[in-house]
Structure formats: C-alpha cells, structure tokens
Amino acid sequence: MPSFALTQSFRPFLHAVQAVTTALLLTPGLLHAADASQALTDKLARQNLQMGDVVEYIQNYRLDGWSSVDSKHLVIHTGPSSQYLITLQRSCPDLSAAENIAFTSTVRKLTKFDKLIVRGAGGIKQDCPIAQINALTKVPKQD
C-alpha cells in the first residue's frame, strides 16, 4: 500500500516535469517560426510593402510582374496598385532563378487551391502548391 501512496503523491510532480520538458522541446520550433516571420516582414519592408489580410482569391487577375522574396514566397503584381504575397506550401528551389512562372487557374480566380508553375534555367518544370494569399499594401519610405 505505501508504494501506491508514494506514486500518487509524485503524480503532480511528474506532470510538472513533463510540461516543462515539452515546453523546452517546443521552444526552438516556436522561436524559428517567429524568426522566419520577422525575416519575411523585413524582406517585404525593404520593398516598401506590408502584409495585409488573407484573401480567399484574386478575381480576374492579370499577372503584370512578380518578384521572389525567398524560396517559399513571391510577390505578384496584378495591376498598377494591386500586389499580393503568395505563400507556398513548401520550398520551391528554382523560384529565385526562374525565367518564367505561371499559375494553374480554372475559374479566372487565383486561389490557395491553385499551383505556381516554375520553369527554371534548366527548363525543368516545378509545381508548387499555394498555401495562402495575402494582400499587400505600399508603405511610405522611411528616411
């Protein structure tokens, strides 16, 4: 009987140790995600852009230009004052060196269910699924 009482008395202690251990194991991943988010914000700021709300689709878009931010993000220009951040589900290695890009789109809307198609310098085609689309706003230059 004493061993049962001893186990019961240590149960709260064991739960606390488990919670602290789990928190310590998860912290590097959370810090990495925060660093990646800040890095993206900084890269957009260098282009005088700020990320806005998530949009479900871009209606009747015309691709006027684009620029890669990194291997998982690109900015597309769809008109004189319309820009969007496209976040991909996974890294698209040839994005920064791509000569041409295109999107799959079957209903004249660009959605998160479409894909970015990248054709790199070697002519190899990559399909890169879209994870999210955010509106972008121009911000005044900071002097």
Foldseek 3Di string as FASTA:
>chain_A
DVVVVVVVVCVVVVVVVVVVVVCVVCVVVVVVVVVVVVLLQVLQVVVQKGWADWDFKDALFDFPDKAASAQFWIWTDRDDFWIKIWGFPDGRVQRRQFPDKDKDDDPRIGGQQIWIWTQGPVRDIDTTGTDTMTTMHGHDDDD
